[in-house]
PDB file of all heavy atoms in Angstrom:
ATOM      1  N   MET A   1       5.101  -2.648  -3.192  1.00  0.00           N
ATOM      2  CA  MET A   1       5.584  -3.109  -4.450  1.00  0.00           C
ATOM      3  C   MET A   1       5.737  -4.663  -4.326  1.00  0.00           C
ATOM      4  O   MET A   1       6.086  -5.252  -3.371  1.00  0.00           O
ATOM      5  CB  MET A   1       6.867  -2.571  -4.745  1.00  0.00           C
ATOM      6  CG  MET A   1       7.921  -2.524  -3.790  1.00  0.00           C
ATOM      7  SD  MET A   1       9.360  -1.547  -4.311  1.00  0.00           S
ATOM      8  CE  MET A   1      10.309  -2.874  -5.303  1.00  0.00           C
ATOM      9  N   GLY A   2       5.151  -5.287  -5.408  1.00  0.00           N
ATOM     10  CA  GLY A   2       5.192  -6.761  -5.322  1.00  0.00           C
ATOM     11  C   GLY A   2       4.016  -7.245  -6.214  1.00  0.00           C
ATOM     12  O   GLY A   2       3.378  -6.496  -7.027  1.00  0.00           O
ATOM     13  N   ALA A   3       3.691  -8.491  -6.169  1.00  0.00           N
ATOM     14  CA  ALA A   3       2.672  -9.268  -6.862  1.00  0.00           C
ATOM     15  C   ALA A   3       1.457  -9.349  -5.985  1.00  0.00           C
ATOM     16  O   ALA A   3       1.480 -10.330  -5.144  1.00  0.00           O
ATOM     17  CB  ALA A   3       3.072 -10.538  -7.457  1.00  0.00           C
ATOM     18  N   PRO A   4       0.486  -8.542  -5.991  1.00  0.00           N
ATOM     19  CA  PRO A   4      -0.685  -8.588  -5.126  1.00  0.00           C
ATOM     20  C   PRO A   4      -1.454  -9.909  -5.253  1.00  0.00           C
ATOM     21  O   PRO A   4      -2.107 -10.319  -4.235  1.00  0.00           O
ATOM     22  CB  PRO A   4      -1.531  -7.395  -5.457  1.00  0.00           C
ATOM     23  CG  PRO A   4      -1.128  -6.994  -6.909  1.00  0.00           C
ATOM     24  CD  PRO A   4       0.374  -7.410  -6.926  1.00  0.00           C
ATOM     25  N   GLU A   5      -1.341 -10.509  -6.353  1.00  0.00           N
ATOM     26  CA  GLU A   5      -2.140 -11.710  -6.610  1.00  0.00           C
ATOM     27  C   GLU A   5      -1.650 -12.965  -5.768  1.00  0.00           C
ATOM     28  O   GLU A   5      -2.347 -13.950  -5.515  1.00  0.00           O
ATOM     29  CB  GLU A   5      -2.026 -12.240  -8.043  1.00  0.00           C
ATOM     30  CG  GLU A   5      -0.747 -12.525  -8.548  1.00  0.00           C
ATOM     31  CD  GLU A   5      -0.037 -11.368  -9.232  1.00  0.00           C
ATOM     32  OE1 GLU A   5      -0.407 -10.160  -8.967  1.00  0.00           O
ATOM     33  OE2 GLU A   5       0.965 -11.618  -9.951  1.00  0.00           O
ATOM     34  N   VAL A   6      -0.404 -12.778  -5.151  1.00  0.00           N
ATOM     35  CA  VAL A   6       0.106 -13.959  -4.329  1.00  0.00           C
ATOM     36  C   VAL A   6      -0.227 -13.639  -2.839  1.00  0.00           C
ATOM     37  O   VAL A   6       0.165 -14.454  -2.010  1.00  0.00           O
ATOM     38  CB  VAL A   6       1.638 -14.099  -4.507  1.00  0.00           C
ATOM     39  CG1 VAL A   6       1.911 -14.304  -5.998  1.00  0.00           C
ATOM     40  CG2 VAL A   6       2.468 -12.865  -3.989  1.00  0.00           C
ATOM     41  N   LEU A   7      -0.815 -12.587  -2.541  1.00  0.00           N
ATOM     42  CA  LEU A   7      -1.150 -12.112  -1.143  1.00  0.00           C
ATOM     43  C   LEU A   7      -2.616 -12.280  -0.839  1.00  0.00           C
ATOM     44  O   LEU A   7      -3.463 -12.126  -1.755  1.00  0.00           O
ATOM     45  CB  LEU A   7      -0.731 -10.611  -0.957  1.00  0.00           C
ATOM     46  CG  LEU A   7       0.743 -10.383  -1.121  1.00  0.00           C
ATOM     47  CD1 LEU A   7       0.923  -8.872  -0.968  1.00  0.00           C
ATOM     48  CD2 LEU A   7       1.659 -11.091  -0.158  1.00  0.00           C
ATOM     49  N   PRO A   8      -2.958 -12.566   0.384  1.00  0.00           N
ATOM     50  CA  PRO A   8      -4.316 -12.433   0.823  1.00  0.00           C
ATOM     51  C   PRO A   8      -5.035 -11.157   0.515  1.00  0.00           C
ATOM     52  O   PRO A   8      -4.338 -10.052   0.703  1.00  0.00           O
ATOM     53  CB  PRO A   8      -4.306 -12.824   2.334  1.00  0.00           C
ATOM     54  CG  PRO A   8      -2.891 -13.314   2.628  1.00  0.00           C
ATOM     55  CD  PRO A   8      -1.963 -12.774   1.578  1.00  0.00           C
ATOM     56  N   PRO A   9      -6.280 -11.149   0.235  1.00  0.00           N
ATOM     57  CA  PRO A   9      -6.934  -9.902  -0.076  1.00  0.00           C
ATOM     58  C   PRO A   9      -6.883  -8.884   1.088  1.00  0.00           C
ATOM     59  O   PRO A   9      -6.822  -7.667   0.927  1.00  0.00           O
ATOM     60  CB  PRO A   9      -8.436 -10.322  -0.250  1.00  0.00           C
ATOM     61  CG  PRO A   9      -8.272 -11.736  -0.794  1.00  0.00           C
ATOM     62  CD  PRO A   9      -7.071 -12.350  -0.060  1.00  0.00           C
ATOM     63  N   ARG A  10      -6.826  -9.417   2.398  1.00  0.00           N
ATOM     64  CA  ARG A  10      -6.791  -8.533   3.543  1.00  0.00           C
ATOM     65  C   ARG A  10      -5.516  -7.698   3.540  1.00  0.00           C
ATOM     66  O   ARG A  10      -5.497  -6.497   3.719  1.00  0.00           O
ATOM     67  CB  ARG A  10      -6.898  -9.379   4.795  1.00  0.00           C
ATOM     68  CG  ARG A  10      -6.792  -8.552   6.027  1.00  0.00           C
ATOM     69  CD  ARG A  10      -6.429  -9.522   7.240  1.00  0.00           C
ATOM     70  NE  ARG A  10      -5.034 -10.052   7.073  1.00  0.00           N
ATOM     71  CZ  ARG A  10      -4.659 -11.291   7.317  1.00  0.00           C
ATOM     72  NH1 ARG A  10      -5.667 -12.153   7.673  1.00  0.00           N
ATOM     73  NH2 ARG A  10      -3.432 -11.687   7.256  1.00  0.00           N
ATOM     74  N   THR A  11      -4.417  -8.451   3.191  1.00  0.00           N
ATOM     75  CA  THR A  11      -3.102  -7.760   3.180  1.00  0.00           C
ATOM     76  C   THR A  11      -3.030  -6.722   2.154  1.00  0.00           C
ATOM     77  O   THR A  11      -2.540  -5.661   2.279  1.00  0.00           O
ATOM     78  CB  THR A  11      -1.909  -8.826   3.068  1.00  0.00           C
ATOM     79  OG1 THR A  11      -1.984  -9.793   4.046  1.00  0.00           O
ATOM     80  CG2 THR A  11      -0.629  -8.138   3.134  1.00  0.00           C
ATOM     81  N   VAL A  12      -3.531  -7.083   0.935  1.00  0.00           N
ATOM     82  CA  VAL A  12      -3.528  -6.127  -0.170  1.00  0.00           C
ATOM     83  C   VAL A  12      -4.351  -4.956   0.147  1.00  0.00           C
ATOM     84  O   VAL A  12      -3.925  -3.780  -0.093  1.00  0.00           O
ATOM     85  CB  VAL A  12      -4.155  -6.908  -1.516  1.00  0.00           C
ATOM     86  CG1 VAL A  12      -4.299  -5.843  -2.587  1.00  0.00           C
ATOM     87  CG2 VAL A  12      -3.244  -8.012  -1.972  1.00  0.00           C
ATOM     88  N   ALA A  13      -5.495  -5.052   0.832  1.00  0.00           N
ATOM     89  CA  ALA A  13      -6.319  -4.014   1.187  1.00  0.00           C
ATOM     90  C   ALA A  13      -5.640  -3.045   2.108  1.00  0.00           C
ATOM     91  O   ALA A  13      -5.575  -1.824   1.946  1.00  0.00           O
ATOM     92  CB  ALA A  13      -7.711  -4.516   1.841  1.00  0.00           C
ATOM     93  N   VAL A  14      -4.873  -3.552   3.051  1.00  0.00           N
ATOM     94  CA  VAL A  14      -4.211  -2.744   4.051  1.00  0.00           C
ATOM     95  C   VAL A  14      -3.074  -2.037   3.423  1.00  0.00           C
ATOM     96  O   VAL A  14      -2.891  -0.846   3.639  1.00  0.00           O
ATOM     97  CB  VAL A  14      -3.599  -3.554   5.168  1.00  0.00           C
ATOM     98  CG1 VAL A  14      -2.612  -2.844   6.075  1.00  0.00           C
ATOM     99  CG2 VAL A  14      -4.653  -4.203   6.090  1.00  0.00           C
ATOM    100  N   LEU A  15      -2.336  -2.618   2.427  1.00  0.00           N
ATOM    101  CA  LEU A  15      -1.271  -1.861   1.864  1.00  0.00           C
ATOM    102  C   LEU A  15      -1.763  -0.819   0.856  1.00  0.00           C
ATOM    103  O   LEU A  15      -1.324   0.327   0.781  1.00  0.00           O
ATOM    104  CB  LEU A  15      -0.513  -2.914   0.889  1.00  0.00           C
ATOM    105  CG  LEU A  15       0.298  -3.977   1.809  1.00  0.00           C
ATOM    106  CD1 LEU A  15       0.868  -5.030   0.764  1.00  0.00           C
ATOM    107  CD2 LEU A  15       1.516  -3.238   2.490  1.00  0.00           C
ATOM    108  N   GLU A  16      -2.916  -1.063   0.246  1.00  0.00           N
ATOM    109  CA  GLU A  16      -3.467  -0.057  -0.685  1.00  0.00           C
ATOM    110  C   GLU A  16      -4.015   1.175   0.094  1.00  0.00           C
ATOM    111  O   GLU A  16      -3.856   2.294  -0.295  1.00  0.00           O
ATOM    112  CB  GLU A  16      -4.678  -0.648  -1.520  1.00  0.00           C
ATOM    113  CG  GLU A  16      -4.117  -1.680  -2.605  1.00  0.00           C
ATOM    114  CD  GLU A  16      -5.252  -2.312  -3.291  1.00  0.00           C
ATOM    115  OE1 GLU A  16      -6.390  -2.214  -2.917  1.00  0.00           O
ATOM    116  OE2 GLU A  16      -4.949  -2.910  -4.305  1.00  0.00           O
ATOM    117  N   GLN A  17      -4.610   0.724   1.224  1.00  0.00           N
ATOM    118  CA  GLN A  17      -5.094   1.885   2.113  1.00  0.00           C
ATOM    119  C   GLN A  17      -3.904   2.798   2.637  1.00  0.00           C
ATOM    120  O   GLN A  17      -4.137   4.030   2.646  1.00  0.00           O
ATOM    121  CB  GLN A  17      -5.900   1.342   3.301  1.00  0.00           C
ATOM    122  CG  GLN A  17      -6.569   2.424   4.116  1.00  0.00           C
ATOM    123  CD  GLN A  17      -7.699   3.098   3.434  1.00  0.00           C
ATOM    124  OE1 GLN A  17      -8.476   2.581   2.823  1.00  0.00           O
ATOM    125  NE2 GLN A  17      -7.654   4.442   3.409  1.00  0.00           N
ATOM    126  N   ALA A  18      -2.846   2.143   2.965  1.00  0.00           N
ATOM    127  CA  ALA A  18      -1.687   2.951   3.369  1.00  0.00           C
ATOM    128  C   ALA A  18      -1.102   3.832   2.263  1.00  0.00           C
ATOM    129  O   ALA A  18      -0.777   5.007   2.508  1.00  0.00           O
ATOM    130  CB  ALA A  18      -0.466   1.877   3.834  1.00  0.00           C
ATOM    131  N   GLU A  19      -1.282   3.416   1.058  1.00  0.00           N
ATOM    132  CA  GLU A  19      -0.825   4.212  -0.077  1.00  0.00           C
ATOM    133  C   GLU A  19      -1.721   5.391  -0.221  1.00  0.00           C
ATOM    134  O   GLU A  19      -1.276   6.531  -0.468  1.00  0.00           O
ATOM    135  CB  GLU A  19      -0.822   3.408  -1.406  1.00  0.00           C
ATOM    136  CG  GLU A  19       0.282   2.419  -1.529  1.00  0.00           C
ATOM    137  CD  GLU A  19       0.499   1.946  -2.902  1.00  0.00           C
ATOM    138  OE1 GLU A  19      -0.072   2.591  -3.888  1.00  0.00           O
ATOM    139  OE2 GLU A  19       1.119   0.854  -3.131  1.00  0.00           O
ATOM    140  N   ARG A  20      -3.084   5.094  -0.135  1.00  0.00           N
ATOM    141  CA  ARG A  20      -3.992   6.218  -0.313  1.00  0.00           C
ATOM    142  C   ARG A  20      -3.921   7.249   0.800  1.00  0.00           C
ATOM    143  O   ARG A  20      -3.981   8.536   0.592  1.00  0.00           O
ATOM    144  CB  ARG A  20      -5.481   5.658  -0.276  1.00  0.00           C
ATOM    145  CG  ARG A  20      -5.785   4.868  -1.534  1.00  0.00           C
ATOM    146  CD  ARG A  20      -7.331   4.679  -1.676  1.00  0.00           C
ATOM    147  NE  ARG A  20      -7.711   3.756  -0.634  1.00  0.00           N
ATOM    148  CZ  ARG A  20      -7.784   2.363  -0.738  1.00  0.00           C
ATOM    149  NH1 ARG A  20      -7.466   1.822  -1.846  1.00  0.00           N
ATOM    150  NH2 ARG A  20      -8.180   1.655   0.298  1.00  0.00           N
ATOM    151  N   ASP A  21      -3.635   6.806   2.126  1.00  0.00           N
ATOM    152  CA  ASP A  21      -3.495   7.705   3.204  1.00  0.00           C
ATOM    153  C   ASP A  21      -2.350   8.578   3.118  1.00  0.00           C
ATOM    154  O   ASP A  21      -2.404   9.634   3.808  1.00  0.00           O
ATOM    155  CB  ASP A  21      -3.613   6.878   4.527  1.00  0.00           C
ATOM    156  CG  ASP A  21      -5.017   6.226   4.774  1.00  0.00           C
ATOM    157  OD1 ASP A  21      -5.942   6.697   4.124  1.00  0.00           O
ATOM    158  OD2 ASP A  21      -5.056   5.333   5.607  1.00  0.00           O
ATOM    159  N   THR A  22      -1.373   8.166   2.463  1.00  0.00           N
ATOM    160  CA  THR A  22      -0.029   8.847   2.446  1.00  0.00           C
ATOM    161  C   THR A  22       0.329   9.511   1.134  1.00  0.00           C
ATOM    162  O   THR A  22       1.482  10.141   1.071  1.00  0.00           O
ATOM    163  CB  THR A  22       1.124   7.965   2.934  1.00  0.00           C
ATOM    164  OG1 THR A  22       1.237   6.856   1.951  1.00  0.00           O
ATOM    165  CG2 THR A  22       0.721   7.340   4.278  1.00  0.00           C
ATOM    166  N   CYS A  23      -0.540   9.450   0.127  1.00  0.00           N
ATOM    167  CA  CYS A  23      -0.133   9.918  -1.213  1.00  0.00           C
ATOM    168  C   CYS A  23       0.167  11.329  -1.299  1.00  0.00           C
ATOM    169  O   CYS A  23       0.854  11.890  -2.158  1.00  0.00           O
ATOM    170  CB  CYS A  23      -1.287   9.458  -2.225  1.00  0.00           C
ATOM    171  SG  CYS A  23      -2.813  10.387  -1.925  1.00  0.00           S
ATOM    172  N   ASP A  24      -0.379  12.172  -0.344  1.00  0.00           N
ATOM    173  CA  ASP A  24      -0.092  13.577  -0.417  1.00  0.00           C
ATOM    174  C   ASP A  24       1.148  14.029   0.506  1.00  0.00           C
ATOM    175  O   ASP A  24       1.285  15.243   0.654  1.00  0.00           O
ATOM    176  CB  ASP A  24      -1.405  14.360  -0.012  1.00  0.00           C
ATOM    177  CG  ASP A  24      -2.362  14.185  -1.060  1.00  0.00           C
ATOM    178  OD1 ASP A  24      -2.128  14.125  -2.277  1.00  0.00           O
ATOM    179  OD2 ASP A  24      -3.646  14.250  -0.734  1.00  0.00           O
ATOM    180  N   ARG A  25       1.745  13.108   1.186  1.00  0.00           N
ATOM    181  CA  ARG A  25       2.712  13.479   2.145  1.00  0.00           C
ATOM    182  C   ARG A  25       4.041  14.022   1.409  1.00  0.00           C
ATOM    183  O   ARG A  25       4.233  13.367   0.282  1.00  0.00           O
ATOM    184  CB  ARG A  25       3.020  12.346   3.088  1.00  0.00           C
ATOM    185  CG  ARG A  25       1.811  12.068   4.010  1.00  0.00           C
ATOM    186  CD  ARG A  25       2.080  11.055   5.065  1.00  0.00           C
ATOM    187  NE  ARG A  25       0.911  10.732   5.842  1.00  0.00           N
ATOM    188  CZ  ARG A  25       0.837   9.833   6.765  1.00  0.00           C
ATOM    189  NH1 ARG A  25       1.825   8.974   6.980  1.00  0.00           N
ATOM    190  NH2 ARG A  25      -0.366   9.591   7.515  1.00  0.00           N
ATOM    191  N   THR A  26       4.826  14.633   2.064  1.00  0.00           N
ATOM    192  CA  THR A  26       5.947  15.162   1.409  1.00  0.00           C
ATOM    193  C   THR A  26       7.392  14.589   1.941  1.00  0.00           C
ATOM    194  O   THR A  26       8.415  15.042   1.463  1.00  0.00           O
ATOM    195  CB  THR A  26       6.099  16.681   1.528  1.00  0.00           C
ATOM    196  OG1 THR A  26       5.956  17.068   2.910  1.00  0.00           O
ATOM    197  CG2 THR A  26       4.853  17.367   0.798  1.00  0.00           C
ATOM    198  N   GLY A  27       7.218  13.660   2.913  1.00  0.00           N
ATOM    199  CA  GLY A  27       8.380  13.052   3.440  1.00  0.00           C
ATOM    200  C   GLY A  27       9.024  12.049   2.485  1.00  0.00           C
ATOM    201  O   GLY A  27       8.519  11.926   1.341  1.00  0.00           O
ATOM    202  N   ALA A  28      10.006  11.337   2.942  1.00  0.00           N
ATOM    203  CA  ALA A  28      10.619  10.269   2.207  1.00  0.00           C
ATOM    204  C   ALA A  28       9.572   9.223   1.733  1.00  0.00           C
ATOM    205  O   ALA A  28       8.624   8.901   2.404  1.00  0.00           O
ATOM    206  CB  ALA A  28      11.716   9.653   2.979  1.00  0.00           C
ATOM    207  N   THR A  29       9.851   8.674   0.495  1.00  0.00           N
ATOM    208  CA  THR A  29       9.024   7.489   0.010  1.00  0.00           C
ATOM    209  C   THR A  29       9.597   6.252   0.638  1.00  0.00           C
ATOM    210  O   THR A  29      10.717   5.937   0.600  1.00  0.00           O
ATOM    211  CB  THR A  29       9.172   7.467  -1.495  1.00  0.00           C
ATOM    212  OG1 THR A  29       8.539   8.632  -2.081  1.00  0.00           O
ATOM    213  CG2 THR A  29       8.381   6.242  -2.064  1.00  0.00           C
ATOM    214  N   VAL A  30       8.626   5.397   1.167  1.00  0.00           N
ATOM    215  CA  VAL A  30       9.025   4.171   1.801  1.00  0.00           C
ATOM    216  C   VAL A  30       8.354   3.046   0.937  1.00  0.00           C
ATOM    217  O   VAL A  30       7.104   2.969   0.986  1.00  0.00           O
ATOM    218  CB  VAL A  30       8.542   4.096   3.271  1.00  0.00           C
ATOM    219  CG1 VAL A  30       8.941   2.778   3.832  1.00  0.00           C
ATOM    220  CG2 VAL A  30       9.264   5.230   3.971  1.00  0.00           C
TER     221      VAL A  30
END
């Protein structure tokens, strides 16, 4: 959560990948 436009593309890509990799998990939301 935040403004991706203020971050380097590399950081945005890592964060987006983490979301995709965990979207089906049932544990706590972080």
